[in-house]
């Protein structure tokens, strides 16, 4: 009785078709992180004013807000993929691996949601835009008062 062929001995001993996808997704999120951090670093370095109002106005711009949101999503997804590999490699099989994976997913998705909510809050409740609209309203009321006084 022999052990069969070499391929027959290893069939069914491990998962297949998932490692390449995971590896590729890890690289794609890494490149996405590099592009978004590069864009944000260059556009931040080109700023003249670093006050809160100026930076919140910068974040409220659609492209900047989109790039920040993509950075948050890509970074948390990249971290999730990397930590999943650590869990698969170092946490023993059984219920503990499943529990640690669930906790990891909850923490990382919660962190990404918190980051996106903060970006949305800054972009939608922008004090710089409020100041601009208040200045425009004041200018319009002054123009209306001048027009009434001139008649």
C-alpha atoms as a PDB file:
ATOM      1  CA  UNK A   1       0.000   0.000   0.000  1.00  0.00           C
ATOM      2  CA  UNK A   2       1.401   3.304  -1.060  1.00  0.00           C
ATOM      3  CA  UNK A   3       0.511   6.815  -0.102  1.00  0.00           C
ATOM      4  CA  UNK A   4      -0.557   7.706  -3.628  1.00  0.00           C
ATOM      5  CA  UNK A   5       0.809  10.545  -5.666  1.00  0.00           C
ATOM      6  CA  UNK A   6       2.219  13.722  -4.205  1.00  0.00           C
ATOM      7  CA  UNK A   7      -0.770  15.795  -5.272  1.00  0.00           C
ATOM      8  CA  UNK A   8      -3.130  13.201  -3.788  1.00  0.00           C
ATOM      9  CA  UNK A   9      -1.450  13.515  -0.407  1.00  0.00           C
ATOM     10  CA  UNK A  10      -1.881  17.288  -0.200  1.00  0.00           C
ATOM     11  CA  UNK A  11      -5.398  17.692  -1.624  1.00  0.00           C
ATOM     12  CA  UNK A  12      -7.835  19.011   0.917  1.00  0.00           C
ATOM     13  CA  UNK A  13      -5.154  20.043   3.414  1.00  0.00           C
ATOM     14  CA  UNK A  14      -5.622  23.789   3.111  1.00  0.00           C
ATOM     15  CA  UNK A  15      -7.763  26.482   1.626  1.00  0.00           C
ATOM     16  CA  UNK A  16      -7.072  27.698  -1.824  1.00  0.00           C
ATOM     17  CA  UNK A  17      -8.189  30.585  -3.986  1.00  0.00           C
ATOM     18  CA  UNK A  18      -8.401  33.045  -1.054  1.00  0.00           C
ATOM     19  CA  UNK A  19      -4.792  33.994  -0.371  1.00  0.00           C
ATOM     20  CA  UNK A  20      -4.217  35.718  -3.700  1.00  0.00           C
ATOM     21  CA  UNK A  21      -7.345  37.855  -3.342  1.00  0.00           C
ATOM     22  CA  UNK A  22      -6.392  38.865   0.190  1.00  0.00           C
ATOM     23  CA  UNK A  23      -2.829  39.668  -0.873  1.00  0.00           C
ATOM     24  CA  UNK A  24      -4.024  41.734  -3.845  1.00  0.00           C
ATOM     25  CA  UNK A  25      -6.587  43.621  -1.737  1.00  0.00           C
ATOM     26  CA  UNK A  26      -3.870  44.426   0.813  1.00  0.00           C
ATOM     27  CA  UNK A  27      -1.724  45.913  -1.972  1.00  0.00           C
ATOM     28  CA  UNK A  28      -4.615  47.883  -3.469  1.00  0.00           C
ATOM     29  CA  UNK A  29      -5.511  49.462  -0.128  1.00  0.00           C
ATOM     30  CA  UNK A  30      -1.832  50.240   0.458  1.00  0.00           C
ATOM     31  CA  UNK A  31      -1.596  52.073  -2.871  1.00  0.00           C
ATOM     32  CA  UNK A  32      -4.872  53.871  -2.117  1.00  0.00           C
ATOM     33  CA  UNK A  33      -3.428  55.007   1.210  1.00  0.00           C
ATOM     34  CA  UNK A  34      -0.297  56.289  -0.500  1.00  0.00           C
ATOM     35  CA  UNK A  35      -2.232  58.250  -3.129  1.00  0.00           C
ATOM     36  CA  UNK A  36      -4.666  59.834  -0.676  1.00  0.00           C
ATOM     37  CA  UNK A  37      -1.975  60.722   1.876  1.00  0.00           C
ATOM     38  CA  UNK A  38       0.179  62.180  -0.898  1.00  0.00           C
ATOM     39  CA  UNK A  39      -2.660  64.303  -2.237  1.00  0.00           C
ATOM     40  CA  UNK A  40      -3.629  65.535   1.215  1.00  0.00           C
ATOM     41  CA  UNK A  41      -0.024  66.253   2.250  1.00  0.00           C
ATOM     42  CA  UNK A  42       0.698  68.256  -0.901  1.00  0.00           C
ATOM     43  CA  UNK A  43      -2.559  70.205  -0.737  1.00  0.00           C
ATOM     44  CA  UNK A  44      -2.034  70.886   2.979  1.00  0.00           C
ATOM     45  CA  UNK A  45       1.537  72.035   2.382  1.00  0.00           C
ATOM     46  CA  UNK A  46       0.323  74.485  -0.260  1.00  0.00           C
ATOM     47  CA  UNK A  47      -1.984  76.206   2.264  1.00  0.00           C
ATOM     48  CA  UNK A  48      -1.073  79.672   3.504  1.00  0.00           C
ATOM     49  CA  UNK A  49      -3.333  79.830   6.540  1.00  0.00           C
ATOM     50  CA  UNK A  50      -3.452  77.017   9.107  1.00  0.00           C
ATOM     51  CA  UNK A  51      -6.119  78.484  11.372  1.00  0.00           C
ATOM     52  CA  UNK A  52      -9.097  76.390  12.388  1.00  0.00           C
ATOM     53  CA  UNK A  53     -11.482  78.330  10.180  1.00  0.00           C
ATOM     54  CA  UNK A  54      -9.197  78.052   7.153  1.00  0.00           C
ATOM     55  CA  UNK A  55      -8.588  74.318   7.613  1.00  0.00           C
ATOM     56  CA  UNK A  56     -12.243  73.547   8.239  1.00  0.00           C
ATOM     57  CA  UNK A  57     -13.029  75.476   5.055  1.00  0.00           C
ATOM     58  CA  UNK A  58     -10.390  73.385   3.272  1.00  0.00           C
ATOM     59  CA  UNK A  59     -11.956  70.169   4.603  1.00  0.00           C
ATOM     60  CA  UNK A  60     -15.391  71.376   3.479  1.00  0.00           C
ATOM     61  CA  UNK A  61     -14.252  71.464  -0.142  1.00  0.00           C
ATOM     62  CA  UNK A  62     -15.737  68.452  -1.952  1.00  0.00           C
ATOM     63  CA  UNK A  63     -12.487  66.965  -3.280  1.00  0.00           C
ATOM     64  CA  UNK A  64     -10.695  67.310   0.047  1.00  0.00           C
ATOM     65  CA  UNK A  65     -13.615  65.807   1.960  1.00  0.00           C
ATOM     66  CA  UNK A  66     -13.791  62.947  -0.546  1.00  0.00           C
ATOM     67  CA  UNK A  67     -10.065  62.256  -0.276  1.00  0.00           C
ATOM     68  CA  UNK A  68     -10.240  62.314   3.535  1.00  0.00           C
ATOM     69  CA  UNK A  69     -13.183  59.916   3.458  1.00  0.00           C
ATOM     70  CA  UNK A  70     -11.336  57.595   1.060  1.00  0.00           C
ATOM     71  CA  UNK A  71      -8.281  57.758   3.310  1.00  0.00           C
ATOM     72  CA  UNK A  72     -10.326  56.774   6.358  1.00  0.00           C
ATOM     73  CA  UNK A  73     -12.046  53.881   4.578  1.00  0.00           C
ATOM     74  CA  UNK A  74      -8.853  52.636   2.917  1.00  0.00           C
ATOM     75  CA  UNK A  75      -6.783  52.885   6.095  1.00  0.00           C
ATOM     76  CA  UNK A  76      -9.272  51.027   8.254  1.00  0.00           C
ATOM     77  CA  UNK A  77      -9.800  48.362   5.578  1.00  0.00           C
ATOM     78  CA  UNK A  78      -6.022  47.944   5.221  1.00  0.00           C
ATOM     79  CA  UNK A  79      -5.689  47.623   9.001  1.00  0.00           C
ATOM     80  CA  UNK A  80      -8.497  45.076   9.099  1.00  0.00           C
ATOM     81  CA  UNK A  81      -6.821  42.918   6.462  1.00  0.00           C
ATOM     82  CA  UNK A  82      -3.472  43.036   8.234  1.00  0.00           C
ATOM     83  CA  UNK A  83      -4.909  42.286  11.662  1.00  0.00           C
ATOM     84  CA  UNK A  84      -6.976  39.446  10.193  1.00  0.00           C
ATOM     85  CA  UNK A  85      -3.746  37.803   9.068  1.00  0.00           C
ATOM     86  CA  UNK A  86      -2.289  38.238  12.558  1.00  0.00           C
ATOM     87  CA  UNK A  87      -5.366  36.652  14.100  1.00  0.00           C
ATOM     88  CA  UNK A  88      -5.294  33.733  11.661  1.00  0.00           C
ATOM     89  CA  UNK A  89      -1.601  33.150  12.328  1.00  0.00           C
ATOM     90  CA  UNK A  90      -1.369  33.614  16.106  1.00  0.00           C
ATOM     91  CA  UNK A  91      -4.785  33.005  17.701  1.00  0.00           C
ATOM     92  CA  UNK A  92      -5.526  29.288  18.166  1.00  0.00           C
ATOM     93  CA  UNK A  93      -8.434  27.680  16.312  1.00  0.00           C
ATOM     94  CA  UNK A  94     -11.792  27.483  17.963  1.00  0.00           C
ATOM     95  CA  UNK A  95     -14.240  29.929  19.453  1.00  0.00           C
ATOM     96  CA  UNK A  96     -11.552  32.380  20.533  1.00  0.00           C
ATOM     97  CA  UNK A  97     -10.483  33.068  16.942  1.00  0.00           C
ATOM     98  CA  UNK A  98     -14.071  33.718  15.924  1.00  0.00           C
ATOM     99  CA  UNK A  99     -14.634  36.024  18.903  1.00  0.00           C
ATOM    100  CA  UNK A 100     -11.442  37.989  18.296  1.00  0.00           C
ATOM    101  CA  UNK A 101     -12.373  38.391  14.623  1.00  0.00           C
ATOM    102  CA  UNK A 102     -15.834  39.705  15.540  1.00  0.00           C
ATOM    103  CA  UNK A 103     -14.314  42.189  18.015  1.00  0.00           C
ATOM    104  CA  UNK A 104     -11.771  43.278  15.382  1.00  0.00           C
ATOM    105  CA  UNK A 105     -14.509  43.893  12.815  1.00  0.00           C
ATOM    106  CA  UNK A 106     -16.647  45.853  15.266  1.00  0.00           C
ATOM    107  CA  UNK A 107     -13.761  48.059  16.397  1.00  0.00           C
ATOM    108  CA  UNK A 108     -12.463  48.796  12.915  1.00  0.00           C
ATOM    109  CA  UNK A 109     -15.850  49.429  11.326  1.00  0.00           C
ATOM    110  CA  UNK A 110     -16.801  51.577  14.316  1.00  0.00           C
ATOM    111  CA  UNK A 111     -13.569  53.569  13.953  1.00  0.00           C
ATOM    112  CA  UNK A 112     -14.150  54.090  10.245  1.00  0.00           C
ATOM    113  CA  UNK A 113     -17.749  55.182  10.864  1.00  0.00           C
ATOM    114  CA  UNK A 114     -16.577  57.625  13.546  1.00  0.00           C
ATOM    115  CA  UNK A 115     -13.986  59.080  11.163  1.00  0.00           C
ATOM    116  CA  UNK A 116     -16.531  59.507   8.379  1.00  0.00           C
ATOM    117  CA  UNK A 117     -19.037  61.115  10.744  1.00  0.00           C
ATOM    118  CA  UNK A 118     -16.379  63.570  11.950  1.00  0.00           C
ATOM    119  CA  UNK A 119     -15.444  64.508   8.378  1.00  0.00           C
ATOM    120  CA  UNK A 120     -19.116  64.989   7.530  1.00  0.00           C
ATOM    121  CA  UNK A 121     -19.689  67.069  10.642  1.00  0.00           C
ATOM    122  CA  UNK A 122     -16.766  69.369   9.838  1.00  0.00           C
ATOM    123  CA  UNK A 123     -17.732  69.622   6.179  1.00  0.00           C
ATOM    124  CA  UNK A 124     -21.409  70.309   6.818  1.00  0.00           C
ATOM    125  CA  UNK A 125     -21.120  72.568   9.881  1.00  0.00           C
ATOM    126  CA  UNK A 126     -18.268  74.647   8.571  1.00  0.00           C
ATOM    127  CA  UNK A 127     -17.713  77.864  10.554  1.00  0.00           C
ATOM    128  CA  UNK A 128     -15.803  79.415   7.670  1.00  0.00           C
ATOM    129  CA  UNK A 129     -18.819  79.006   5.417  1.00  0.00           C
ATOM    130  CA  UNK A 130     -21.043  80.441   8.163  1.00  0.00           C
ATOM    131  CA  UNK A 131     -18.730  83.458   8.429  1.00  0.00           C
ATOM    132  CA  UNK A 132     -18.790  83.940   4.651  1.00  0.00           C
ATOM    133  CA  UNK A 133     -22.582  83.721   4.489  1.00  0.00           C
ATOM    134  CA  UNK A 134     -22.885  86.090   7.490  1.00  0.00           C
ATOM    135  CA  UNK A 135     -20.567  88.577   5.760  1.00  0.00           C
ATOM    136  CA  UNK A 136     -22.604  88.297   2.560  1.00  0.00           C
ATOM    137  CA  UNK A 137     -25.840  88.845   4.480  1.00  0.00           C
ATOM    138  CA  UNK A 138     -24.343  91.898   6.193  1.00  0.00           C
ATOM    139  CA  UNK A 139     -23.186  93.295   2.858  1.00  0.00           C
ATOM    140  CA  UNK A 140     -26.634  92.753   1.362  1.00  0.00           C
ATOM    141  CA  UNK A 141     -28.352  94.472   4.295  1.00  0.00           C
ATOM    142  CA  UNK A 142     -25.923  97.410   4.023  1.00  0.00           C
ATOM    143  CA  UNK A 143     -26.613  97.640   0.307  1.00  0.00           C
ATOM    144  CA  UNK A 144     -30.367  97.553   0.972  1.00  0.00           C
ATOM    145  CA  UNK A 145     -30.054 100.254   3.660  1.00  0.00           C
ATOM    146  CA  UNK A 146     -27.972 102.421   1.327  1.00  0.00           C
ATOM    147  CA  UNK A 147     -30.521 101.957  -1.431  1.00  0.00           C
ATOM    148  CA  UNK A 148     -33.369 102.996   0.883  1.00  0.00           C
ATOM    149  CA  UNK A 149     -31.404 105.958   2.245  1.00  0.00           C
ATOM    150  CA  UNK A 150     -30.600 107.144  -1.276  1.00  0.00           C
ATOM    151  CA  UNK A 151     -34.235 107.286  -2.350  1.00  0.00           C
END
